[in-house]
Amino acid sequence: MMDFDLKNFDEDVIAGSASVPVVVDFWAPWCGPCQAIGPVLEKLANEADGTWRLVKVNTDQHGDIGQQYGVRGIPAVKMFVDGKVVDEFTGALPEYAVKQWLEKAIPTEAKQHIATAERRLDEGAWDEAETLLEQALKDEPNHAKARAMLASLIVLRDPHRAVDLASAAGSVEPTYLFQAEAVKTIAMRLTTPADWDESLPGAALYQEAIDALHEADVPAALEKLMALIQVDRFIDNDGGRRLGIALFTLFADRMEAVRGMRRLFDMYLS
């Protein structure tokens, strides 16, 4: 059994976390919840095969360290990377929840690619973001966030793959279900032949909106959809509204022109 007790905080945690994440368990002998979670952390640390290390800090003996890192209640569990706290939780969690926390908190190359991709998206560098997300999925093929982000980037160009990516993301992480539905709505309209009466008043506008999406011109598609809603709200089972909402869901945060259309779109719906 490994020895997890603190020897020297600067060496064990600050310097040590430069090479591998260090999980620090702030605890005390009189603390009941500490006695519950301590063995869980020790078990997982023994099974970690060096991917992270555990250091236990007795706050009765090292109150100054606890105070330095804002420990107000125990057990307090903090993860250090490169000498800094990158994630934490307070209280006794069951083993499965601790595993989930570790999976989320431990840095990986894939997570670094995803974080950089988010910055590139904010800068409008979509191609670079796509390349980074593809690399992230090579490293972690089931990463829900990378799947969801990539699906929204490629849906206009590769709708079938986008649906596969988004569906997998939504099944793993429920927070991506709404985004997955938006991807499916857009992909269906891009890949399914028109099955509405072409003599309807809004049929031409609806087709022009879809044609614009095939050209990856989202603002133009939304302009056609807003015109469609004013002419024929119910074509394709309210398809204009559903498609418009899907486009805003995926592109409003990344396209200023799209974001500026939302208020007018909502006005036409009211």
Protein backbone atom coordinates (compact mmCIF):
# COMPACT_ATOMS: atom_id res chain seq x y z
CA MET A 1 0.00 0.00 0.00
CA MET A 2 1.32 3.40 -0.94
CA ASP A 3 2.00 6.14 1.59
CA PHE A 4 -0.06 9.22 0.74
CA ASP A 5 0.70 11.36 3.80
CA LEU A 6 2.17 14.80 3.18
CA LYS A 7 5.93 15.11 3.58
CA ASN A 8 6.64 18.52 2.07
CA PHE A 9 3.89 20.50 0.34
CA ASP A 10 6.17 22.42 -2.01
CA GLU A 11 7.88 19.24 -3.18
CA ASP A 12 4.96 16.79 -3.04
CA VAL A 13 2.29 19.07 -4.53
CA ILE A 14 3.63 22.27 -6.10
CA ALA A 15 6.68 20.78 -7.79
CA GLY A 16 5.18 17.31 -8.14
CA SER A 17 2.15 18.56 -10.06
CA ALA A 18 4.42 19.81 -12.84
CA SER A 19 4.84 16.23 -14.06
CA VAL A 20 1.55 14.58 -13.05
CA PRO A 21 -1.74 15.87 -11.58
CA VAL A 22 -1.78 15.76 -7.79
CA VAL A 23 -5.04 15.29 -5.88
CA VAL A 24 -4.86 16.76 -2.39
CA ASP A 25 -7.24 15.44 0.26
CA PHE A 26 -7.61 17.95 3.10
CA TRP A 27 -8.92 15.91 6.04
CA ALA A 28 -8.84 15.47 9.83
CA PRO A 29 -9.01 12.37 12.07
CA TRP A 30 -12.21 13.52 13.82
CA CYS A 31 -14.10 14.13 10.54
CA GLY A 32 -16.61 11.36 9.74
CA PRO A 33 -17.04 12.17 6.02
CA CYS A 34 -13.24 12.29 5.73
CA GLN A 35 -13.09 8.69 6.97
CA ALA A 36 -15.62 7.76 4.28
CA ILE A 37 -13.94 9.33 1.28
CA GLY A 38 -10.33 8.77 2.31
CA PRO A 39 -10.31 5.04 1.46
CA VAL A 40 -12.08 5.74 -1.85
CA LEU A 41 -9.38 8.19 -2.90
CA GLU A 42 -6.63 5.84 -1.77
CA LYS A 43 -8.14 2.93 -3.68
CA LEU A 44 -8.45 4.98 -6.87
CA ALA A 45 -4.92 6.35 -6.46
CA ASN A 46 -3.54 2.83 -6.16
CA GLU A 47 -5.40 1.90 -9.36
CA ALA A 48 -4.34 5.04 -11.25
CA ASP A 49 -1.05 3.55 -12.46
CA GLY A 50 0.73 6.88 -12.06
CA THR A 51 -1.72 8.98 -14.10
CA TRP A 52 -2.28 11.06 -10.95
CA ARG A 53 -1.01 11.04 -7.38
CA LEU A 54 -2.75 11.48 -4.03
CA VAL A 55 -1.43 13.58 -1.14
CA LYS A 56 -3.33 13.67 2.16
CA VAL A 57 -3.07 16.84 4.24
CA ASN A 58 -4.16 16.60 7.88
CA THR A 59 -5.59 20.05 8.57
CA ASP A 60 -5.09 19.62 12.32
CA GLN A 61 -1.35 19.43 11.63
CA HIS A 62 -1.19 21.74 8.60
CA GLY A 63 -3.90 24.32 9.19
CA ASP A 64 -1.79 26.99 7.51
CA ILE A 65 -1.87 25.10 4.19
CA GLY A 66 -5.62 24.62 4.41
CA GLN A 67 -6.08 28.30 5.14
CA GLN A 68 -3.81 29.25 2.23
CA TYR A 69 -6.01 27.29 -0.18
CA GLY A 70 -9.35 28.45 1.18
CA VAL A 71 -10.37 25.23 2.92
CA ARG A 72 -13.47 26.05 4.99
CA GLY A 73 -14.99 22.60 5.24
CA ILE A 74 -13.58 19.10 5.08
CA PRO A 75 -13.11 16.81 3.37
CA ALA A 76 -11.93 19.23 0.68
CA VAL A 77 -10.41 17.61 -2.41
CA LYS A 78 -8.40 19.74 -4.83
CA MET A 79 -6.54 18.82 -8.00
CA PHE A 80 -3.24 20.61 -8.65
CA VAL A 81 -1.66 20.90 -12.10
CA ASP A 82 1.54 22.90 -12.58
CA GLY A 83 1.26 24.14 -9.02
CA LYS A 84 -2.28 25.52 -9.36
CA VAL A 85 -5.72 24.26 -8.36
CA VAL A 86 -7.60 23.31 -11.53
CA ASP A 87 -10.67 21.64 -9.97
CA GLU A 88 -12.07 20.73 -6.58
CA PHE A 89 -15.03 19.48 -4.56
CA THR A 90 -16.06 19.43 -0.91
CA GLY A 91 -17.73 16.61 0.99
CA ALA A 92 -17.78 12.85 0.72
CA LEU A 93 -18.74 11.54 -2.72
CA PRO A 94 -19.39 7.91 -3.68
CA GLU A 95 -16.72 6.15 -5.71
CA TYR A 96 -18.54 6.49 -9.05
CA ALA A 97 -18.87 10.26 -8.55
CA VAL A 98 -15.19 10.61 -7.67
CA LYS A 99 -14.33 8.70 -10.86
CA GLN A 100 -16.52 11.06 -12.89
CA TRP A 101 -14.81 14.06 -11.28
CA LEU A 102 -11.36 12.65 -12.03
CA GLU A 103 -12.30 11.96 -15.65
CA LYS A 104 -13.48 15.53 -16.06
CA ALA A 105 -10.65 17.20 -14.15
CA ILE A 106 -7.52 15.36 -15.28
CA PRO A 107 -5.94 17.25 -18.20
CA THR A 108 -5.42 15.33 -21.44
CA GLU A 109 -4.05 16.28 -24.82
CA ALA A 110 -7.55 15.93 -26.25
CA LYS A 111 -8.93 18.41 -23.72
CA GLN A 112 -6.17 20.86 -24.65
CA HIS A 113 -7.11 20.50 -28.33
CA ILE A 114 -10.77 21.17 -27.48
CA ALA A 115 -9.95 24.24 -25.40
CA THR A 116 -7.81 25.62 -28.24
CA ALA A 117 -10.59 24.82 -30.73
CA GLU A 118 -13.03 26.88 -28.65
CA ARG A 119 -10.66 29.83 -28.80
CA ARG A 120 -10.25 29.42 -32.56
CA LEU A 121 -14.03 29.40 -32.97
CA ASP A 122 -14.27 32.66 -31.02
CA GLU A 123 -11.68 34.08 -33.43
CA GLY A 124 -13.60 32.84 -36.48
CA ALA A 125 -10.91 30.32 -37.45
CA TRP A 126 -13.32 27.47 -38.16
CA ASP A 127 -10.93 25.37 -40.24
CA GLU A 128 -8.32 25.37 -37.48
CA ALA A 129 -10.98 24.49 -34.92
CA GLU A 130 -12.16 21.59 -37.05
CA THR A 131 -8.61 20.23 -37.37
CA LEU A 132 -8.12 20.42 -33.60
CA LEU A 133 -11.40 18.64 -32.93
CA GLU A 134 -10.55 15.88 -35.38
CA GLN A 135 -7.26 15.40 -33.51
CA ALA A 136 -9.06 15.35 -30.17
CA LEU A 137 -11.36 12.59 -31.40
CA LYS A 138 -8.40 10.54 -32.61
CA ASP A 139 -7.12 10.63 -29.03
CA GLU A 140 -10.52 10.26 -27.33
CA PRO A 141 -13.09 8.99 -29.87
CA ASN A 142 -16.00 9.13 -27.40
CA HIS A 143 -15.43 12.66 -26.09
CA ALA A 144 -18.96 14.10 -26.09
CA LYS A 145 -17.98 17.76 -26.28
CA ALA A 146 -15.61 17.23 -29.20
CA ARG A 147 -18.28 15.24 -31.04
CA ALA A 148 -20.92 17.91 -30.49
CA MET A 149 -18.65 20.77 -31.53
CA LEU A 150 -17.43 18.98 -34.65
CA ALA A 151 -20.98 18.00 -35.64
CA SER A 152 -22.05 21.65 -35.66
CA LEU A 153 -19.02 22.59 -37.76
CA ILE A 154 -19.51 19.99 -40.49
CA VAL A 155 -23.30 19.63 -40.64
CA LEU A 156 -23.63 21.75 -43.80
CA ARG A 157 -20.82 19.87 -45.57
CA ASP A 158 -21.21 16.34 -44.22
CA PRO A 159 -24.69 16.03 -42.70
CA HIS A 160 -24.66 12.24 -42.34
CA ARG A 161 -21.47 12.19 -40.27
CA ALA A 162 -22.68 15.20 -38.30
CA VAL A 163 -25.80 13.30 -37.24
CA ASP A 164 -23.69 10.33 -36.12
CA LEU A 165 -21.40 12.59 -34.09
CA ALA A 166 -24.23 14.61 -32.53
CA SER A 167 -26.33 11.56 -31.69
CA ALA A 168 -23.40 9.91 -29.93
CA ALA A 169 -22.66 13.11 -28.00
CA GLY A 170 -26.27 13.46 -26.88
CA SER A 171 -26.48 9.84 -25.74
CA VAL A 172 -23.34 10.21 -23.61
CA GLU A 173 -23.99 13.71 -22.25
CA PRO A 174 -27.63 14.91 -22.01
CA THR A 175 -26.57 18.57 -22.16
CA TYR A 176 -25.91 18.05 -25.88
CA LEU A 177 -29.36 16.65 -26.71
CA PHE A 178 -30.74 20.03 -27.83
CA GLN A 179 -27.72 20.59 -30.06
CA ALA A 180 -28.07 17.06 -31.45
CA GLU A 181 -31.70 17.74 -32.39
CA ALA A 182 -30.64 20.91 -34.21
CA VAL A 183 -28.05 18.96 -36.19
CA LYS A 184 -30.64 16.32 -37.11
CA THR A 185 -33.15 18.96 -38.24
CA ILE A 186 -30.63 20.64 -40.54
CA ALA A 187 -29.22 17.37 -41.85
CA MET A 188 -32.66 15.99 -42.66
CA ARG A 189 -33.56 19.04 -44.71
CA LEU A 190 -30.23 18.87 -46.57
CA THR A 191 -30.49 15.16 -47.39
CA THR A 192 -34.22 14.47 -47.81
CA PRO A 193 -35.94 15.33 -51.11
CA ALA A 194 -38.75 17.87 -50.93
CA ASP A 195 -42.08 16.19 -50.19
CA TRP A 196 -44.34 19.23 -50.06
CA ASP A 197 -46.61 20.63 -52.74
CA GLU A 198 -44.43 22.84 -54.94
CA SER A 199 -47.46 24.94 -55.84
CA LEU A 200 -47.79 26.19 -52.26
CA PRO A 201 -47.12 29.93 -51.77
CA GLY A 202 -43.95 29.39 -49.76
CA ALA A 203 -42.51 26.44 -51.64
CA ALA A 204 -40.05 28.49 -53.72
CA LEU A 205 -38.80 30.42 -50.66
CA TYR A 206 -38.35 27.21 -48.70
CA GLN A 207 -36.32 25.65 -51.50
CA GLU A 208 -34.21 28.79 -51.82
CA ALA A 209 -33.44 28.60 -48.10
CA ILE A 210 -32.33 24.98 -48.47
CA ASP A 211 -30.26 25.85 -51.54
CA ALA A 212 -28.51 28.55 -49.49
CA LEU A 213 -27.65 25.97 -46.84
CA HIS A 214 -26.13 23.74 -49.49
CA GLU A 215 -23.89 26.73 -50.24
CA ALA A 216 -23.17 27.12 -46.48
CA ASP A 217 -24.73 30.59 -46.54
CA VAL A 218 -26.57 30.57 -43.23
CA PRO A 219 -27.58 34.28 -43.18
CA ALA A 220 -29.10 33.97 -46.67
CA ALA A 221 -30.98 30.85 -45.62
CA LEU A 222 -32.41 32.64 -42.59
CA GLU A 223 -33.51 35.59 -44.71
CA LYS A 224 -35.46 33.19 -46.94
CA LEU A 225 -36.93 31.41 -43.92
CA MET A 226 -38.12 34.69 -42.41
CA ALA A 227 -39.79 35.55 -45.70
CA LEU A 228 -41.30 32.05 -45.79
CA ILE A 229 -42.78 32.36 -42.31
CA GLN A 230 -44.64 35.49 -43.37
CA VAL A 231 -46.04 33.76 -46.46
CA ASP A 232 -46.68 30.16 -45.37
CA ARG A 233 -46.01 29.28 -41.75
CA PHE A 234 -47.16 25.66 -41.99
CA ILE A 235 -45.35 24.26 -45.04
CA ASP A 236 -43.46 21.04 -44.26
CA ASN A 237 -45.15 20.77 -40.86
CA ASP A 238 -43.86 24.14 -39.66
CA GLY A 239 -40.51 23.36 -41.27
CA GLY A 240 -39.42 26.98 -41.68
CA ARG A 241 -39.66 27.67 -37.96
CA ARG A 242 -37.99 24.40 -36.97
CA LEU A 243 -35.13 24.87 -39.42
CA GLY A 244 -34.63 28.48 -38.38
CA ILE A 245 -34.42 27.60 -34.69
CA ALA A 246 -31.92 24.83 -35.48
CA LEU A 247 -29.72 27.28 -37.38
CA PHE A 248 -29.80 29.80 -34.53
CA THR A 249 -28.95 27.01 -32.07
CA LEU A 250 -25.79 26.05 -33.93
CA PHE A 251 -24.61 29.31 -35.49
CA ALA A 252 -25.78 32.30 -33.43
CA ASP A 253 -22.76 32.14 -31.13
CA ARG A 254 -20.31 31.95 -34.04
CA MET A 255 -21.86 34.27 -36.66
CA GLU A 256 -22.59 37.85 -35.74
CA ALA A 257 -24.90 38.24 -38.76
CA VAL A 258 -26.94 35.25 -37.59
CA ARG A 259 -27.07 36.48 -34.01
CA GLY A 260 -28.44 39.82 -35.18
CA MET A 261 -31.33 38.13 -37.00
CA ARG A 262 -32.80 36.33 -33.98
CA ARG A 263 -34.92 39.20 -32.70
CA LEU A 264 -36.53 39.75 -36.11
CA PHE A 265 -37.10 36.02 -36.55
CA ASP A 266 -38.87 35.84 -33.18
CA MET A 267 -40.97 38.87 -34.10
CA TYR A 268 -42.22 37.13 -37.25
CA LEU A 269 -43.16 34.08 -35.18
CA SER A 270 -45.23 36.02 -32.67
